């Protein structure tokens, strides 16, 4: 396992029954492990409450912070706030199974598991499909950005210019249609 993800490994076999709190700091190097490049920078705090019982464990995962991303409309970078939480039940069975998002089955005799994948998925799913800079949403977008967008937008051609550029043979065909 990647060294950077070792911090997210939970050795539960030595824990007493009851509730335990784990805190993690997530930055951009965390997402590099998963080869995810949408977050140029990241400052996320991850928390996990583990409630250990005799035959199972309940996990409450929380993710809070911000990521440095480009606006989909202007390509301006900004800090996007992210917030997510999830509940996961950990049970024991014959084989490892993480196919369900809220249930993790560990083989009997297992004494540790890693929660990095859960925090990764929470962060990626918390990012909106369309990322828009807050100034764009508020209508306060900078004038230089508007000028740059205006300069890059395609020019409109009038119908008169288009008709002058047409081949006279096509004009004869158009007459047949009328």
C-alpha atoms as a PDB file:
ATOM      1  CA  UNK A   1       0.000   0.000   0.000  1.00  0.00           C
ATOM      2  CA  UNK A   2       1.169   3.515  -0.778  1.00  0.00           C
ATOM      3  CA  UNK A   3       3.058   5.072   2.133  1.00  0.00           C
ATOM      4  CA  UNK A   4       0.852   8.172   2.054  1.00  0.00           C
ATOM      5  CA  UNK A   5      -2.233   6.038   2.724  1.00  0.00           C
ATOM      6  CA  UNK A   6      -0.742   4.248   5.746  1.00  0.00           C
ATOM      7  CA  UNK A   7      -2.056   7.070   7.948  1.00  0.00           C
ATOM      8  CA  UNK A   8      -5.597   6.027   7.011  1.00  0.00           C
ATOM      9  CA  UNK A   9      -5.127   2.446   8.171  1.00  0.00           C
ATOM     10  CA  UNK A  10      -7.138   1.640  11.280  1.00  0.00           C
ATOM     11  CA  UNK A  11      -5.885  -1.159  13.529  1.00  0.00           C
ATOM     12  CA  UNK A  12      -9.099  -1.927  15.380  1.00  0.00           C
ATOM     13  CA  UNK A  13      -8.080  -5.168  17.087  1.00  0.00           C
ATOM     14  CA  UNK A  14      -6.365  -3.327  19.956  1.00  0.00           C
ATOM     15  CA  UNK A  15      -9.230  -0.913  20.546  1.00  0.00           C
ATOM     16  CA  UNK A  16     -11.599  -1.329  23.473  1.00  0.00           C
ATOM     17  CA  UNK A  17     -15.338  -1.591  22.926  1.00  0.00           C
ATOM     18  CA  UNK A  18     -16.950   1.825  22.606  1.00  0.00           C
ATOM     19  CA  UNK A  19     -16.440   5.003  20.620  1.00  0.00           C
ATOM     20  CA  UNK A  20     -13.100   6.144  19.201  1.00  0.00           C
ATOM     21  CA  UNK A  21     -12.240   9.335  17.264  1.00  0.00           C
ATOM     22  CA  UNK A  22      -9.687   9.546  14.415  1.00  0.00           C
ATOM     23  CA  UNK A  23      -8.635  12.783  12.694  1.00  0.00           C
ATOM     24  CA  UNK A  24      -6.861  13.090   9.340  1.00  0.00           C
ATOM     25  CA  UNK A  25      -5.481  15.959   7.256  1.00  0.00           C
ATOM     26  CA  UNK A  26      -5.907  15.639   3.478  1.00  0.00           C
ATOM     27  CA  UNK A  27      -3.916  17.651   0.933  1.00  0.00           C
ATOM     28  CA  UNK A  28      -3.267  17.415  -2.823  1.00  0.00           C
ATOM     29  CA  UNK A  29      -0.741  14.569  -2.419  1.00  0.00           C
ATOM     30  CA  UNK A  30      -3.582  12.374  -1.142  1.00  0.00           C
ATOM     31  CA  UNK A  31      -5.406  12.737  -4.476  1.00  0.00           C
ATOM     32  CA  UNK A  32      -2.210  12.099  -6.463  1.00  0.00           C
ATOM     33  CA  UNK A  33      -2.181   8.561  -5.042  1.00  0.00           C
ATOM     34  CA  UNK A  34      -5.566   7.999  -6.713  1.00  0.00           C
ATOM     35  CA  UNK A  35      -4.363   9.750  -9.908  1.00  0.00           C
ATOM     36  CA  UNK A  36      -7.111  12.378  -9.493  1.00  0.00           C
ATOM     37  CA  UNK A  37      -6.092  15.755 -10.890  1.00  0.00           C
ATOM     38  CA  UNK A  38      -9.197  17.937 -10.563  1.00  0.00           C
ATOM     39  CA  UNK A  39      -8.000  19.341  -7.218  1.00  0.00           C
ATOM     40  CA  UNK A  40      -4.821  21.362  -7.741  1.00  0.00           C
ATOM     41  CA  UNK A  41      -4.583  22.051  -3.995  1.00  0.00           C
ATOM     42  CA  UNK A  42      -6.586  20.693  -1.093  1.00  0.00           C
ATOM     43  CA  UNK A  43      -7.069  21.583   2.557  1.00  0.00           C
ATOM     44  CA  UNK A  44      -9.512  19.051   3.976  1.00  0.00           C
ATOM     45  CA  UNK A  45     -10.087  17.813   7.501  1.00  0.00           C
ATOM     46  CA  UNK A  46     -11.399  14.275   7.748  1.00  0.00           C
ATOM     47  CA  UNK A  47     -12.862  12.799  10.914  1.00  0.00           C
ATOM     48  CA  UNK A  48     -13.994   9.303  11.697  1.00  0.00           C
ATOM     49  CA  UNK A  49     -15.942   8.100  14.713  1.00  0.00           C
ATOM     50  CA  UNK A  50     -15.645   4.363  15.162  1.00  0.00           C
ATOM     51  CA  UNK A  51     -18.133   2.627  17.441  1.00  0.00           C
ATOM     52  CA  UNK A  52     -16.710  -0.794  18.209  1.00  0.00           C
ATOM     53  CA  UNK A  53     -19.103  -3.524  19.324  1.00  0.00           C
ATOM     54  CA  UNK A  54     -18.620  -7.243  19.933  1.00  0.00           C
ATOM     55  CA  UNK A  55     -19.497  -8.413  16.414  1.00  0.00           C
ATOM     56  CA  UNK A  56     -19.459  -5.273  14.252  1.00  0.00           C
ATOM     57  CA  UNK A  57     -18.338  -1.665  13.996  1.00  0.00           C
ATOM     58  CA  UNK A  58     -20.149   1.486  12.918  1.00  0.00           C
ATOM     59  CA  UNK A  59     -18.208   4.266  11.201  1.00  0.00           C
ATOM     60  CA  UNK A  60     -19.301   7.871  10.876  1.00  0.00           C
ATOM     61  CA  UNK A  61     -17.086   9.708   8.376  1.00  0.00           C
ATOM     62  CA  UNK A  62     -16.987  13.499   7.970  1.00  0.00           C
ATOM     63  CA  UNK A  63     -15.087  15.592   5.454  1.00  0.00           C
ATOM     64  CA  UNK A  64     -14.838  19.382   5.650  1.00  0.00           C
ATOM     65  CA  UNK A  65     -12.596  21.923   3.940  1.00  0.00           C
ATOM     66  CA  UNK A  66     -11.754  23.440   0.581  1.00  0.00           C
ATOM     67  CA  UNK A  67     -10.127  22.531  -2.730  1.00  0.00           C
ATOM     68  CA  UNK A  68      -8.412  24.745  -5.336  1.00  0.00           C
ATOM     69  CA  UNK A  69     -10.222  24.247  -8.654  1.00  0.00           C
ATOM     70  CA  UNK A  70     -10.770  26.101 -11.949  1.00  0.00           C
ATOM     71  CA  UNK A  71     -14.137  27.620 -12.790  1.00  0.00           C
ATOM     72  CA  UNK A  72     -15.796  25.736 -15.654  1.00  0.00           C
ATOM     73  CA  UNK A  73     -16.871  29.019 -17.287  1.00  0.00           C
ATOM     74  CA  UNK A  74     -13.885  31.352 -16.827  1.00  0.00           C
ATOM     75  CA  UNK A  75     -11.075  28.943 -15.920  1.00  0.00           C
ATOM     76  CA  UNK A  76     -10.240  31.219 -12.957  1.00  0.00           C
ATOM     77  CA  UNK A  77      -8.890  29.299  -9.962  1.00  0.00           C
ATOM     78  CA  UNK A  78     -10.703  29.572  -6.622  1.00  0.00           C
ATOM     79  CA  UNK A  79     -11.194  27.748  -3.319  1.00  0.00           C
ATOM     80  CA  UNK A  80     -14.315  25.585  -3.503  1.00  0.00           C
ATOM     81  CA  UNK A  81     -15.737  24.589  -0.105  1.00  0.00           C
ATOM     82  CA  UNK A  82     -16.479  20.866   0.270  1.00  0.00           C
ATOM     83  CA  UNK A  83     -18.494  19.096   2.917  1.00  0.00           C
ATOM     84  CA  UNK A  84     -19.627  15.477   3.087  1.00  0.00           C
ATOM     85  CA  UNK A  85     -20.460  12.732   5.533  1.00  0.00           C
ATOM     86  CA  UNK A  86     -21.139   9.007   5.339  1.00  0.00           C
ATOM     87  CA  UNK A  87     -22.105   6.053   7.498  1.00  0.00           C
ATOM     88  CA  UNK A  88     -20.465   2.652   7.021  1.00  0.00           C
ATOM     89  CA  UNK A  89     -21.151  -0.599   8.866  1.00  0.00           C
ATOM     90  CA  UNK A  90     -18.237  -3.004   9.243  1.00  0.00           C
ATOM     91  CA  UNK A  91     -19.143  -6.662   9.691  1.00  0.00           C
ATOM     92  CA  UNK A  92     -17.185  -9.886   9.582  1.00  0.00           C
ATOM     93  CA  UNK A  93     -17.672 -12.727   7.116  1.00  0.00           C
ATOM     94  CA  UNK A  94     -15.819 -15.373   5.136  1.00  0.00           C
ATOM     95  CA  UNK A  95     -14.516 -13.065   2.381  1.00  0.00           C
ATOM     96  CA  UNK A  96     -13.647  -9.395   1.941  1.00  0.00           C
ATOM     97  CA  UNK A  97     -16.517  -7.471   0.295  1.00  0.00           C
ATOM     98  CA  UNK A  98     -16.747  -3.720  -0.227  1.00  0.00           C
ATOM     99  CA  UNK A  99     -19.212  -3.792  -3.129  1.00  0.00           C
ATOM    100  CA  UNK A 100     -21.873  -1.881  -1.168  1.00  0.00           C
ATOM    101  CA  UNK A 101     -21.179   1.743  -0.341  1.00  0.00           C
ATOM    102  CA  UNK A 102     -22.411   1.580   3.247  1.00  0.00           C
ATOM    103  CA  UNK A 103     -21.289  -1.944   4.200  1.00  0.00           C
ATOM    104  CA  UNK A 104     -17.777  -3.344   4.513  1.00  0.00           C
ATOM    105  CA  UNK A 105     -17.330  -7.053   5.181  1.00  0.00           C
ATOM    106  CA  UNK A 106     -13.929  -8.078   6.519  1.00  0.00           C
ATOM    107  CA  UNK A 107     -12.700 -11.671   6.732  1.00  0.00           C
ATOM    108  CA  UNK A 108     -12.662 -13.253  10.200  1.00  0.00           C
ATOM    109  CA  UNK A 109      -9.225 -12.770  11.707  1.00  0.00           C
ATOM    110  CA  UNK A 110      -8.640  -9.408  10.011  1.00  0.00           C
ATOM    111  CA  UNK A 111      -7.367  -6.802  12.447  1.00  0.00           C
ATOM    112  CA  UNK A 112      -7.102  -3.631  10.326  1.00  0.00           C
ATOM    113  CA  UNK A 113      -8.716  -1.790   7.422  1.00  0.00           C
ATOM    114  CA  UNK A 114      -8.028   1.381   5.438  1.00  0.00           C
ATOM    115  CA  UNK A 115     -10.512   4.263   5.146  1.00  0.00           C
ATOM    116  CA  UNK A 116      -8.643   6.319   2.490  1.00  0.00           C
ATOM    117  CA  UNK A 117     -10.901   5.104  -0.342  1.00  0.00           C
ATOM    118  CA  UNK A 118     -14.004   6.268   1.540  1.00  0.00           C
ATOM    119  CA  UNK A 119     -12.601   9.781   2.056  1.00  0.00           C
ATOM    120  CA  UNK A 120     -11.469   9.930  -1.583  1.00  0.00           C
ATOM    121  CA  UNK A 121     -14.938   8.996  -2.851  1.00  0.00           C
ATOM    122  CA  UNK A 122     -16.605  11.443  -0.468  1.00  0.00           C
ATOM    123  CA  UNK A 123     -14.448  14.334  -1.735  1.00  0.00           C
ATOM    124  CA  UNK A 124     -14.917  13.494  -5.412  1.00  0.00           C
ATOM    125  CA  UNK A 125     -18.682  13.081  -5.043  1.00  0.00           C
ATOM    126  CA  UNK A 126     -18.975  16.318  -3.022  1.00  0.00           C
ATOM    127  CA  UNK A 127     -17.585  18.315  -5.967  1.00  0.00           C
ATOM    128  CA  UNK A 128     -20.476  19.717  -8.025  1.00  0.00           C
ATOM    129  CA  UNK A 129     -20.823  18.620 -11.651  1.00  0.00           C
ATOM    130  CA  UNK A 130     -20.510  22.227 -12.808  1.00  0.00           C
ATOM    131  CA  UNK A 131     -17.969  24.281 -10.869  1.00  0.00           C
ATOM    132  CA  UNK A 132     -18.739  28.004 -11.083  1.00  0.00           C
ATOM    133  CA  UNK A 133     -16.670  30.773  -9.471  1.00  0.00           C
ATOM    134  CA  UNK A 134     -18.700  32.556  -6.739  1.00  0.00           C
ATOM    135  CA  UNK A 135     -18.115  35.948  -8.410  1.00  0.00           C
ATOM    136  CA  UNK A 136     -19.702  34.652 -11.606  1.00  0.00           C
ATOM    137  CA  UNK A 137     -22.751  33.444  -9.691  1.00  0.00           C
ATOM    138  CA  UNK A 138     -23.026  36.784  -7.862  1.00  0.00           C
ATOM    139  CA  UNK A 139     -22.593  38.803 -11.068  1.00  0.00           C
ATOM    140  CA  UNK A 140     -19.403  40.432  -9.758  1.00  0.00           C
ATOM    141  CA  UNK A 141     -17.053  38.911 -12.270  1.00  0.00           C
ATOM    142  CA  UNK A 142     -13.987  41.077 -12.968  1.00  0.00           C
ATOM    143  CA  UNK A 143     -14.120  43.386 -15.995  1.00  0.00           C
ATOM    144  CA  UNK A 144     -10.841  42.026 -17.430  1.00  0.00           C
ATOM    145  CA  UNK A 145     -12.291  38.513 -17.470  1.00  0.00           C
ATOM    146  CA  UNK A 146     -15.387  39.734 -19.316  1.00  0.00           C
ATOM    147  CA  UNK A 147     -13.194  41.545 -21.855  1.00  0.00           C
ATOM    148  CA  UNK A 148     -11.075  38.436 -22.351  1.00  0.00           C
ATOM    149  CA  UNK A 149     -14.194  36.289 -22.888  1.00  0.00           C
ATOM    150  CA  UNK A 150     -15.543  38.867 -25.355  1.00  0.00           C
ATOM    151  CA  UNK A 151     -12.275  38.807 -27.310  1.00  0.00           C
ATOM    152  CA  UNK A 152     -12.282  35.012 -27.439  1.00  0.00           C
ATOM    153  CA  UNK A 153     -15.938  34.618 -28.398  1.00  0.00           C
ATOM    154  CA  UNK A 154     -16.688  33.841 -32.066  1.00  0.00           C
ATOM    155  CA  UNK A 155     -17.649  36.824 -34.190  1.00  0.00           C
ATOM    156  CA  UNK A 156     -21.150  36.996 -35.594  1.00  0.00           C
ATOM    157  CA  UNK A 157     -21.543  37.390 -39.344  1.00  0.00           C
ATOM    158  CA  UNK A 158     -24.552  39.115 -40.782  1.00  0.00           C
ATOM    159  CA  UNK A 159     -26.691  37.409 -43.415  1.00  0.00           C
ATOM    160  CA  UNK A 160     -25.667  40.033 -46.000  1.00  0.00           C
ATOM    161  CA  UNK A 161     -21.995  39.086 -45.704  1.00  0.00           C
ATOM    162  CA  UNK A 162     -22.843  35.432 -46.091  1.00  0.00           C
ATOM    163  CA  UNK A 163     -24.924  36.003 -49.210  1.00  0.00           C
ATOM    164  CA  UNK A 164     -22.100  37.971 -50.876  1.00  0.00           C
ATOM    165  CA  UNK A 165     -19.703  35.092 -50.339  1.00  0.00           C
ATOM    166  CA  UNK A 166     -21.928  32.421 -51.881  1.00  0.00           C
ATOM    167  CA  UNK A 167     -21.197  30.840 -55.218  1.00  0.00           C
ATOM    168  CA  UNK A 168     -23.573  32.115 -57.973  1.00  0.00           C
ATOM    169  CA  UNK A 169     -24.317  28.516 -58.978  1.00  0.00           C
ATOM    170  CA  UNK A 170     -25.908  27.951 -55.581  1.00  0.00           C
ATOM    171  CA  UNK A 171     -28.037  31.043 -56.056  1.00  0.00           C
ATOM    172  CA  UNK A 172     -29.515  29.470 -59.216  1.00  0.00           C
ATOM    173  CA  UNK A 173     -30.369  26.347 -57.225  1.00  0.00           C
ATOM    174  CA  UNK A 174     -32.007  28.463 -54.531  1.00  0.00           C
ATOM    175  CA  UNK A 175     -34.182  30.066 -57.222  1.00  0.00           C
ATOM    176  CA  UNK A 176     -35.436  26.604 -58.204  1.00  0.00           C
ATOM    177  CA  UNK A 177     -36.609  26.002 -54.638  1.00  0.00           C
ATOM    178  CA  UNK A 178     -38.671  29.208 -54.624  1.00  0.00           C
END
